[in-house]
Amino acid sequence: MSGIHPTIISESFQKALEKGIEVLTDMSRPVELSDRETLLNSATTSLNSKVVSQYSSLLSPMSVNAVMKVIDPATATSVDLRDIKIVKKLGGTIDDCELVEGLVLTQKVANSGINRVEKAKIGLIQFCLSAPKTDMDNQIVVSDYAQMDRVLREERAYILNLVKQIKKTGCNVLLIQKSILRDALSDLALHFLNKMKIMVIKDIEREDIEFICKTIGTKPVAHIDQFTADMLGSAELAEEVNLNGSGKLLKITGCASPGKTVTIVVRGSNKLVIEEAERSIHDALCVIRCLVKKRALIAGGGAPEIELALRLTEYSRTLSGMESYCVRAFADAMEVIPSTLAENAGLNPISTVTELRNRHAQGEKTTGINVRKGGISNILEEMVVQPLLVSVSALTLATETVRSILKIDDVVNTR
């Protein structure tokens, strides 16, 4: 496009974008969140391009269920994915992945012998259950055994008092936030908590606090004086589950006053598999979120891009001068996507795109590249679908990026 002023290109691309969104919207078909099969097809399409595609029959329903449990389908306009926590646990296979309505923690129960608590009253503390320390470094000189004994008695009395105050509220499951300053839980405190039959889970990460509070209805307590019965959350069951020799998980289920949150436990034989499964599930969740935001679907397989190229080429003929040339260039760029898709599928890109162009010119708007069959077919019948918002967002962001670049007059090199 040499010789054309950047402003004309930018404005023409904006016109092409507006027309493109109109074309995509006309191609789309509305979808209801009550239509579970359509949601599953969308999630499956997302997962089919992933390494874990063979597990799509397990992960797709899990992703759909997770989203539907954290929203009200009648009124929801978006999904906060922070309400869906993905917990990774090494061991087992992807078949062992599960959706839990409640809280799952990877931390082990600190005290032995207590691995199941029914009618759990759960407290979350952000202070340490250990002997107090001064803010400044100092030394204490103990001159005889009597003074040493007194120090130990004071420490014992201090910790016992803390534990008694916790027990007094009715708490029987205690979560302790991880501390970087000193031990969050001393052996003496653990001994007293064990005697009082209080399950203890320590080293709770700071970033998990908000999700924990929303899930079980508890409130974080920063000082023992604020630890009262109304700060506790409640659940039907808190249980440490053995994972067939590959470690343990703590599950807290049956929360009495839960916020709308769920936990997905991802299992795998190694870290690479687990991380890939996590990414794939996150992508599937994002696809469902797109459908919640904009309840419309379009065909996949390069069909929208070919239709865009065709309609924008027609639109360019209604314009005059440089605008027509710029919109035509925008339309030609759309064919790169089906061309790349055909190449990746082992097809001839030129003949495939040419045939697609002819089929769309005959009015077959949903014709796309069928990677499974290695040819061209009605992609909607193959249930290869994607949210309208995905295509609209991709088109909008790409156009905005190009327009931003066109506004750059010069580049100054800096060291």
Protein backbone atom coordinates (compact mmCIF):
# COMPACT_ATOMS: atom_id res chain seq x y z
CA MET A 1 0.00 0.00 0.00
CA SER A 2 2.88 2.35 -0.68
CA GLY A 3 1.83 5.82 -1.70
CA ILE A 4 -1.38 5.80 0.37
CA HIS A 5 -1.59 8.08 3.38
CA PRO A 6 -1.66 6.13 6.69
CA THR A 7 -4.78 8.00 7.82
CA ILE A 8 -6.74 6.77 4.78
CA ILE A 9 -5.59 3.19 5.43
CA SER A 10 -6.56 3.48 9.11
CA GLU A 11 -10.02 4.87 8.38
CA SER A 12 -10.64 2.29 5.65
CA PHE A 13 -9.68 -0.54 7.98
CA GLN A 14 -12.13 0.81 10.55
CA LYS A 15 -14.90 0.71 7.95
CA ALA A 16 -13.88 -2.83 7.00
CA LEU A 17 -13.97 -3.83 10.67
CA GLU A 18 -17.48 -2.45 11.17
CA LYS A 19 -18.70 -4.25 8.05
CA GLY A 20 -16.89 -7.43 9.13
CA ILE A 21 -18.61 -7.46 12.53
CA GLU A 22 -21.94 -7.02 10.74
CA VAL A 23 -21.17 -10.00 8.47
CA LEU A 24 -20.11 -12.21 11.39
CA THR A 25 -23.25 -11.30 13.35
CA ASP A 26 -25.43 -12.23 10.34
CA MET A 27 -23.63 -15.58 10.10
CA SER A 28 -24.12 -16.41 13.78
CA ARG A 29 -26.95 -18.29 15.37
CA PRO A 30 -28.27 -17.57 18.87
CA VAL A 31 -27.65 -20.05 21.67
CA GLU A 32 -29.25 -20.51 25.08
CA LEU A 33 -27.23 -21.48 28.14
CA SER A 34 -29.85 -24.16 28.80
CA ASP A 35 -28.72 -25.87 25.56
CA ARG A 36 -26.10 -28.10 27.16
CA GLU A 37 -25.23 -29.95 23.95
CA THR A 38 -24.21 -26.71 22.20
CA LEU A 39 -22.03 -25.68 25.15
CA LEU A 40 -20.35 -29.10 25.12
CA ASN A 41 -19.69 -28.86 21.37
CA SER A 42 -18.04 -25.46 21.84
CA ALA A 43 -15.82 -26.72 24.67
CA THR A 44 -14.95 -29.87 22.69
CA THR A 45 -13.93 -27.80 19.64
CA SER A 46 -11.55 -25.86 21.88
CA LEU A 47 -10.06 -29.03 23.38
CA ASN A 48 -9.71 -30.91 20.06
CA SER A 49 -6.67 -28.83 19.08
CA LYS A 50 -4.88 -29.58 22.35
CA VAL A 51 -2.47 -32.32 23.41
CA VAL A 52 -5.16 -33.67 25.75
CA SER A 53 -7.79 -33.89 22.98
CA GLN A 54 -8.41 -37.59 23.67
CA TYR A 55 -9.78 -36.62 27.08
CA SER A 56 -12.25 -34.05 25.70
CA SER A 57 -15.21 -36.30 26.60
CA LEU A 58 -14.19 -35.90 30.28
CA LEU A 59 -12.88 -32.32 30.32
CA SER A 60 -15.67 -30.72 28.24
CA PRO A 61 -18.55 -31.62 30.62
CA MET A 62 -16.32 -30.69 33.56
CA SER A 63 -15.67 -27.22 32.11
CA VAL A 64 -19.35 -26.63 31.30
CA ASN A 65 -20.47 -27.82 34.74
CA ALA A 66 -17.89 -25.61 36.46
CA VAL A 67 -19.10 -22.46 34.69
CA MET A 68 -22.80 -23.25 35.15
CA LYS A 69 -22.32 -23.77 38.90
CA VAL A 70 -20.79 -20.32 39.47
CA ILE A 71 -23.36 -18.27 37.51
CA ASP A 72 -27.09 -17.70 37.32
CA PRO A 73 -27.83 -18.65 33.67
CA ALA A 74 -30.89 -16.41 33.55
CA THR A 75 -29.12 -13.17 34.47
CA ALA A 76 -25.36 -13.73 34.00
CA THR A 77 -23.53 -11.46 31.56
CA SER A 78 -20.00 -12.64 32.40
CA VAL A 79 -18.07 -15.26 34.35
CA ASP A 80 -15.42 -14.50 36.97
CA LEU A 81 -12.93 -17.31 36.39
CA ARG A 82 -11.40 -16.57 39.81
CA ASP A 83 -14.45 -18.42 41.20
CA ILE A 84 -13.18 -21.59 39.51
CA LYS A 85 -9.95 -22.72 41.15
CA ILE A 86 -7.75 -25.24 39.35
CA VAL A 87 -5.70 -27.36 41.77
CA LYS A 88 -2.81 -29.35 40.29
CA LYS A 89 -1.76 -32.63 41.93
CA LEU A 90 1.00 -34.84 40.58
CA GLY A 91 0.12 -38.52 40.19
CA GLY A 92 -2.56 -40.58 38.51
CA THR A 93 -3.80 -39.77 35.00
CA ILE A 94 -6.00 -37.11 33.41
CA ASP A 95 -8.89 -39.59 33.82
CA ASP A 96 -8.61 -38.88 37.57
CA CYS A 97 -9.45 -35.17 37.12
CA GLU A 98 -12.59 -34.18 39.00
CA LEU A 99 -14.88 -31.27 39.75
CA VAL A 100 -15.46 -30.62 43.47
CA GLU A 101 -18.25 -28.44 44.83
CA GLY A 102 -16.25 -27.04 47.69
CA LEU A 103 -12.65 -26.44 48.63
CA VAL A 104 -9.62 -28.60 47.85
CA LEU A 105 -6.23 -27.96 49.45
CA THR A 106 -2.94 -29.63 48.56
CA GLN A 107 -1.47 -28.94 52.01
CA LYS A 108 -1.29 -31.94 54.34
CA VAL A 109 -3.05 -32.11 57.69
CA ALA A 110 -0.38 -31.13 60.22
CA ASN A 111 -1.54 -33.29 63.13
CA SER A 112 -1.63 -37.06 62.92
CA GLY A 113 -4.71 -39.09 63.76
CA ILE A 114 -7.26 -36.45 62.72
CA ASN A 115 -8.07 -36.86 59.02
CA ARG A 116 -11.86 -36.55 59.04
CA VAL A 117 -14.11 -33.98 60.72
CA GLU A 118 -17.88 -33.94 60.29
CA LYS A 119 -19.93 -30.78 60.95
CA ALA A 120 -16.73 -28.79 60.53
CA LYS A 121 -16.40 -25.31 62.01
CA ILE A 122 -13.52 -23.76 60.10
CA GLY A 123 -11.32 -20.90 61.25
CA LEU A 124 -8.69 -19.08 59.20
CA ILE A 125 -5.94 -17.27 61.11
CA GLN A 126 -3.21 -14.95 59.86
CA PHE A 127 -1.23 -14.86 63.11
CA CYS A 128 1.31 -17.39 64.37
CA LEU A 129 0.69 -20.06 66.99
CA SER A 130 4.20 -19.93 68.39
CA ALA A 131 6.18 -18.09 71.04
CA PRO A 132 6.18 -14.30 70.48
CA LYS A 133 9.29 -12.57 69.20
CA THR A 134 10.40 -8.96 69.57
CA ASP A 135 10.66 -6.67 66.56
CA MET A 136 14.37 -6.08 67.22
CA ASP A 137 17.21 -8.57 67.48
CA ASN A 138 18.28 -9.03 71.08
CA GLN A 139 19.73 -11.56 73.49
CA ILE A 140 18.31 -12.93 76.72
CA VAL A 141 20.81 -14.07 79.34
CA VAL A 142 19.54 -16.92 81.53
CA SER A 143 21.70 -17.29 84.63
CA ASP A 144 20.12 -20.31 86.33
CA TYR A 145 17.74 -23.22 85.80
CA ALA A 146 14.86 -21.47 87.61
CA GLN A 147 14.82 -18.67 85.05
CA MET A 148 15.00 -21.19 82.20
CA ASP A 149 12.08 -23.08 83.67
CA ARG A 150 10.13 -19.85 84.00
CA VAL A 151 10.73 -18.98 80.33
CA LEU A 152 9.45 -22.39 79.26
CA ARG A 153 6.39 -22.14 81.55
CA GLU A 154 5.52 -18.69 80.19
CA GLU A 155 5.83 -19.94 76.62
CA ARG A 156 3.67 -22.96 77.42
CA ALA A 157 1.04 -20.80 79.16
CA TYR A 158 0.98 -18.28 76.29
CA ILE A 159 0.43 -20.92 73.61
CA LEU A 160 -2.09 -22.86 75.72
CA ASN A 161 -4.11 -19.67 76.17
CA LEU A 162 -4.18 -19.12 72.39
CA VAL A 163 -5.35 -22.68 71.75
CA LYS A 164 -8.03 -22.48 74.46
CA GLN A 165 -9.45 -19.29 72.93
CA ILE A 166 -9.61 -21.03 69.55
CA LYS A 167 -11.33 -24.09 71.03
CA LYS A 168 -13.79 -21.90 72.95
CA THR A 169 -15.35 -20.64 69.69
CA GLY A 170 -16.24 -24.20 68.64
CA CYS A 171 -13.58 -24.34 65.94
CA ASN A 172 -12.57 -27.90 64.98
CA VAL A 173 -10.71 -27.21 61.70
CA LEU A 174 -7.99 -24.54 61.70
CA LEU A 175 -6.33 -23.09 58.59
CA ILE A 176 -3.10 -21.16 59.24
CA GLN A 177 -1.66 -18.69 56.74
CA LYS A 178 1.96 -19.18 55.75
CA SER A 179 4.39 -16.88 57.57
CA ILE A 180 7.79 -15.73 56.29
CA LEU A 181 8.87 -14.17 59.59
CA ARG A 182 8.75 -17.14 61.96
CA ASP A 183 7.15 -20.53 62.43
CA ALA A 184 3.41 -20.22 61.87
CA LEU A 185 2.84 -23.26 64.08
CA SER A 186 5.14 -24.49 66.84
CA ASP A 187 5.37 -28.13 67.92
CA LEU A 188 3.93 -27.20 71.32
CA ALA A 189 0.89 -25.51 69.74
CA LEU A 190 0.37 -28.52 67.48
CA HIS A 191 0.50 -30.79 70.54
CA PHE A 192 -2.24 -28.78 72.30
CA LEU A 193 -4.40 -28.59 69.16
CA ASN A 194 -4.07 -32.34 68.72
CA LYS A 195 -5.22 -32.96 72.30
CA MET A 196 -8.25 -30.73 71.71
CA LYS A 197 -9.16 -32.65 68.51
CA ILE A 198 -8.69 -29.67 66.18
CA MET A 199 -7.61 -30.50 62.62
CA VAL A 200 -4.77 -28.19 61.54
CA ILE A 201 -3.72 -27.23 58.02
CA LYS A 202 -0.77 -24.84 57.87
CA ASP A 203 1.10 -22.98 55.11
CA ILE A 204 -2.03 -21.60 53.43
CA GLU A 205 -0.85 -19.25 50.67
CA ARG A 206 -1.87 -15.60 50.86
CA GLU A 207 -3.29 -15.56 47.32
CA ASP A 208 -5.69 -18.41 48.24
CA ILE A 209 -7.26 -16.55 51.18
CA GLU A 210 -9.96 -14.76 49.15
CA PHE A 211 -11.13 -17.94 47.42
CA ILE A 212 -11.17 -19.90 50.71
CA CYS A 213 -13.23 -17.22 52.45
CA LYS A 214 -15.73 -17.03 49.60
CA THR A 215 -16.07 -20.82 49.40
CA ILE A 216 -16.59 -21.75 53.04
CA GLY A 217 -17.90 -18.45 54.40
CA THR A 218 -15.10 -17.90 56.90
CA LYS A 219 -13.31 -14.61 57.61
CA PRO A 220 -9.54 -14.21 58.03
CA VAL A 221 -8.48 -13.30 61.57
CA ALA A 222 -5.32 -11.26 62.15
CA HIS A 223 -5.38 -11.30 65.98
CA ILE A 224 -6.55 -13.78 68.60
CA ASP A 225 -8.85 -11.19 70.21
CA GLN A 226 -10.88 -11.07 66.99
CA PHE A 227 -11.25 -14.84 66.80
CA THR A 228 -14.94 -15.33 67.59
CA ALA A 229 -17.62 -17.83 66.58
CA ASP A 230 -19.08 -15.53 63.92
CA MET A 231 -15.72 -15.53 62.09
CA LEU A 232 -15.96 -19.28 61.45
CA GLY A 233 -17.14 -20.97 58.28
CA SER A 234 -18.98 -24.27 58.33
CA ALA A 235 -19.11 -27.39 56.19
CA GLU A 236 -20.60 -30.87 56.33
CA LEU A 237 -17.26 -32.62 55.96
CA ALA A 238 -13.53 -31.88 56.02
CA GLU A 239 -11.58 -34.97 55.02
CA GLU A 240 -8.04 -35.82 54.00
CA VAL A 241 -8.27 -38.14 51.00
CA ASN A 242 -5.55 -40.63 50.06
CA LEU A 243 -4.81 -40.63 46.31
CA ASN A 244 -3.72 -44.25 45.88
CA GLY A 245 -0.12 -43.73 46.89
CA SER A 246 0.39 -40.43 45.04
CA GLY A 247 -0.12 -38.13 47.99
CA LYS A 248 -3.12 -36.68 49.80
CA LEU A 249 -5.66 -33.89 49.32
CA LEU A 250 -7.88 -32.14 51.83
CA LYS A 251 -11.47 -31.81 50.64
CA ILE A 252 -13.97 -29.54 52.38
CA THR A 253 -17.48 -30.19 51.03
CA GLY A 254 -21.07 -29.39 51.91
CA CYS A 255 -20.33 -25.75 52.74
CA ALA A 256 -23.27 -24.20 54.61
CA SER A 257 -23.18 -20.70 53.14
CA PRO A 258 -20.97 -20.92 50.09
CA GLY A 259 -20.33 -18.29 47.50
CA LYS A 260 -20.67 -19.67 44.00
CA THR A 261 -17.27 -21.33 43.67
CA VAL A 262 -15.98 -24.72 42.53
CA THR A 263 -12.60 -26.45 42.40
CA ILE A 264 -11.22 -28.52 39.54
CA VAL A 265 -8.58 -31.06 40.57
CA VAL A 266 -6.17 -31.75 37.70
CA ARG A 267 -4.15 -34.98 37.84
CA GLY A 268 -1.36 -36.21 35.60
CA SER A 269 1.69 -38.44 35.49
CA ASN A 270 4.15 -35.54 35.21
CA LYS A 271 4.29 -31.75 35.40
CA LEU A 272 4.15 -31.24 31.64
CA VAL A 273 0.91 -33.22 31.33
CA ILE A 274 -0.64 -31.41 34.29
CA GLU A 275 0.30 -27.96 32.97
CA GLU A 276 -1.02 -28.80 29.50
CA ALA A 277 -4.28 -30.09 31.01
CA GLU A 278 -4.60 -26.91 33.09
CA ARG A 279 -4.10 -24.69 30.02
CA SER A 280 -6.61 -26.72 28.03
CA ILE A 281 -9.25 -26.54 30.77
CA HIS A 282 -8.66 -22.79 31.12
CA ASP A 283 -9.18 -22.35 27.36
CA ALA A 284 -12.41 -24.37 27.51
CA LEU A 285 -13.63 -22.24 30.43
CA CYS A 286 -12.85 -19.09 28.43
CA VAL A 287 -14.89 -20.41 25.50
CA ILE A 288 -17.91 -20.97 27.74
CA ARG A 289 -17.37 -17.51 29.26
CA CYS A 290 -17.50 -16.03 25.74
CA LEU A 291 -20.88 -17.70 25.20
CA VAL A 292 -22.16 -16.27 28.48
CA LYS A 293 -21.04 -12.77 27.44
CA LYS A 294 -22.37 -13.04 23.87
CA ARG A 295 -24.86 -15.86 23.42
CA ALA A 296 -24.18 -16.64 19.77
CA LEU A 297 -22.19 -19.24 17.83
CA ILE A 298 -20.63 -19.34 14.37
CA ALA A 299 -19.10 -22.13 12.34
CA GLY A 300 -15.38 -22.80 12.65
CA GLY A 301 -12.97 -24.35 10.15
CA GLY A 302 -12.13 -21.08 8.39
CA ALA A 303 -15.75 -20.53 7.28
CA PRO A 304 -16.15 -17.07 8.90
CA GLU A 305 -12.89 -15.79 7.39
CA ILE A 306 -13.75 -16.89 3.84
CA GLU A 307 -17.22 -15.38 4.17
CA LEU A 308 -15.63 -12.17 5.46
CA ALA A 309 -13.22 -12.06 2.51
CA LEU A 310 -16.10 -12.54 0.07
CA ARG A 311 -18.45 -9.98 1.62
CA LEU A 312 -15.74 -7.36 2.17
CA THR A 313 -14.63 -7.73 -1.47
CA GLU A 314 -18.23 -7.03 -2.52
CA TYR A 315 -18.35 -4.11 -0.08
CA SER A 316 -15.12 -2.65 -1.51
CA ARG A 317 -16.83 -2.29 -4.92
CA THR A 318 -19.36 0.10 -3.37
CA LEU A 319 -16.55 2.41 -2.22
CA SER A 320 -14.48 4.75 -4.33
CA GLY A 321 -10.86 5.76 -4.58
CA MET A 322 -8.24 4.57 -2.11
CA GLU A 323 -10.83 3.35 0.40
CA SER A 324 -11.93 0.63 -2.03
CA TYR A 325 -8.31 -0.50 -2.50
CA CYS A 326 -7.66 -0.61 1.28
CA VAL A 327 -10.83 -2.58 2.09
CA ARG A 328 -9.95 -5.04 -0.68
CA ALA A 329 -6.52 -5.55 0.88
CA PHE A 330 -8.23 -6.12 4.27
CA ALA A 331 -10.48 -8.74 2.63
CA ASP A 332 -7.53 -10.54 1.01
CA ALA A 333 -5.79 -10.74 4.40
CA MET A 334 -8.74 -12.73 5.78
CA GLU A 335 -7.87 -15.65 3.47
CA VAL A 336 -4.57 -16.21 5.29
CA ILE A 337 -6.40 -18.03 8.12
CA PRO A 338 -8.13 -20.75 6.02
CA SER A 339 -4.98 -21.03 3.90
CA THR A 340 -2.86 -21.73 7.01
CA LEU A 341 -5.52 -24.12 8.35
CA ALA A 342 -5.48 -26.07 5.07
CA GLU A 343 -1.68 -26.23 5.08
CA ASN A 344 -1.63 -27.52 8.66
CA ALA A 345 -4.20 -30.18 7.72
CA GLY A 346 -1.94 -31.42 4.90
CA LEU A 347 -4.15 -30.03 2.12
CA ASN A 348 -3.23 -27.87 -0.86
CA PRO A 349 -3.83 -24.31 0.41
CA ILE A 350 -4.47 -22.72 -3.00
CA SER A 351 -6.99 -25.27 -4.30
CA THR A 352 -8.69 -25.52 -0.89
CA VAL A 353 -9.16 -21.76 -0.52
CA THR A 354 -10.33 -21.49 -4.14
CA GLU A 355 -12.95 -24.20 -3.63
CA LEU A 356 -14.05 -22.59 -0.34
CA ARG A 357 -14.42 -19.25 -2.11
CA ASN A 358 -16.60 -20.84 -4.82
CA ARG A 359 -18.81 -22.68 -2.31
CA HIS A 360 -19.37 -19.52 -0.27
CA ALA A 361 -20.16 -17.56 -3.45
CA GLN A 362 -22.96 -20.10 -4.01
CA GLY A 363 -24.41 -19.23 -0.58
CA GLU A 364 -22.92 -22.09 1.49
CA LYS A 365 -21.95 -19.88 4.43
CA THR A 366 -21.13 -22.73 6.82
CA THR A 367 -18.72 -24.57 4.52
CA GLY A 368 -15.27 -24.89 6.04
CA ILE A 369 -12.16 -27.05 6.24
CA ASN A 370 -12.77 -30.44 7.82
CA VAL A 371 -9.42 -31.44 9.29
CA ARG A 372 -10.69 -34.87 10.40
CA LYS A 373 -11.87 -35.89 6.91
CA GLY A 374 -9.16 -33.98 5.06
CA GLY A 375 -11.50 -31.98 2.87
CA ILE A 376 -14.27 -29.40 2.71
CA SER A 377 -17.71 -29.94 4.24
CA ASN A 378 -20.56 -28.25 6.10
CA ILE A 379 -18.69 -27.54 9.28
CA LEU A 380 -21.83 -26.96 11.36
CA GLU A 381 -22.94 -30.55 10.72
CA GLU A 382 -19.57 -31.66 12.11
CA MET A 383 -20.30 -29.60 15.25
CA VAL A 384 -17.12 -27.55 14.80
CA VAL A 385 -18.34 -24.29 16.30
CA GLN A 386 -16.88 -21.31 18.13
CA PRO A 387 -18.34 -18.35 20.03
CA LEU A 388 -19.13 -15.27 17.96
CA LEU A 389 -17.22 -13.18 20.50
CA VAL A 390 -13.96 -15.03 19.71
CA SER A 391 -14.01 -14.04 16.03
CA VAL A 392 -15.25 -10.51 16.74
CA SER A 393 -12.56 -9.97 19.39
CA ALA A 394 -9.78 -11.32 17.15
CA LEU A 395 -10.86 -9.10 14.27
CA THR A 396 -11.27 -6.03 16.49
CA LEU A 397 -7.95 -6.42 18.31
CA ALA A 398 -6.01 -7.10 15.10
CA THR A 399 -7.48 -4.02 13.42
CA GLU A 400 -6.87 -1.80 16.45
CA THR A 401 -3.25 -3.00 16.60
CA VAL A 402 -2.64 -2.15 12.95
CA ARG A 403 -4.29 1.25 13.34
CA SER A 404 -2.08 1.97 16.36
CA ILE A 405 1.05 1.04 14.39
CA LEU A 406 -0.03 3.26 11.49
CA LYS A 407 -0.17 6.23 13.86
CA ILE A 408 3.55 5.89 14.62
CA ASP A 409 5.45 8.57 12.68
CA ASP A 410 8.97 7.51 13.56
CA VAL A 411 10.92 5.19 15.83
CA VAL A 412 13.74 6.52 18.01
CA ASN A 413 16.40 3.95 18.88
CA THR A 414 17.41 3.93 22.53
CA ARG A 415 20.23 2.17 24.29
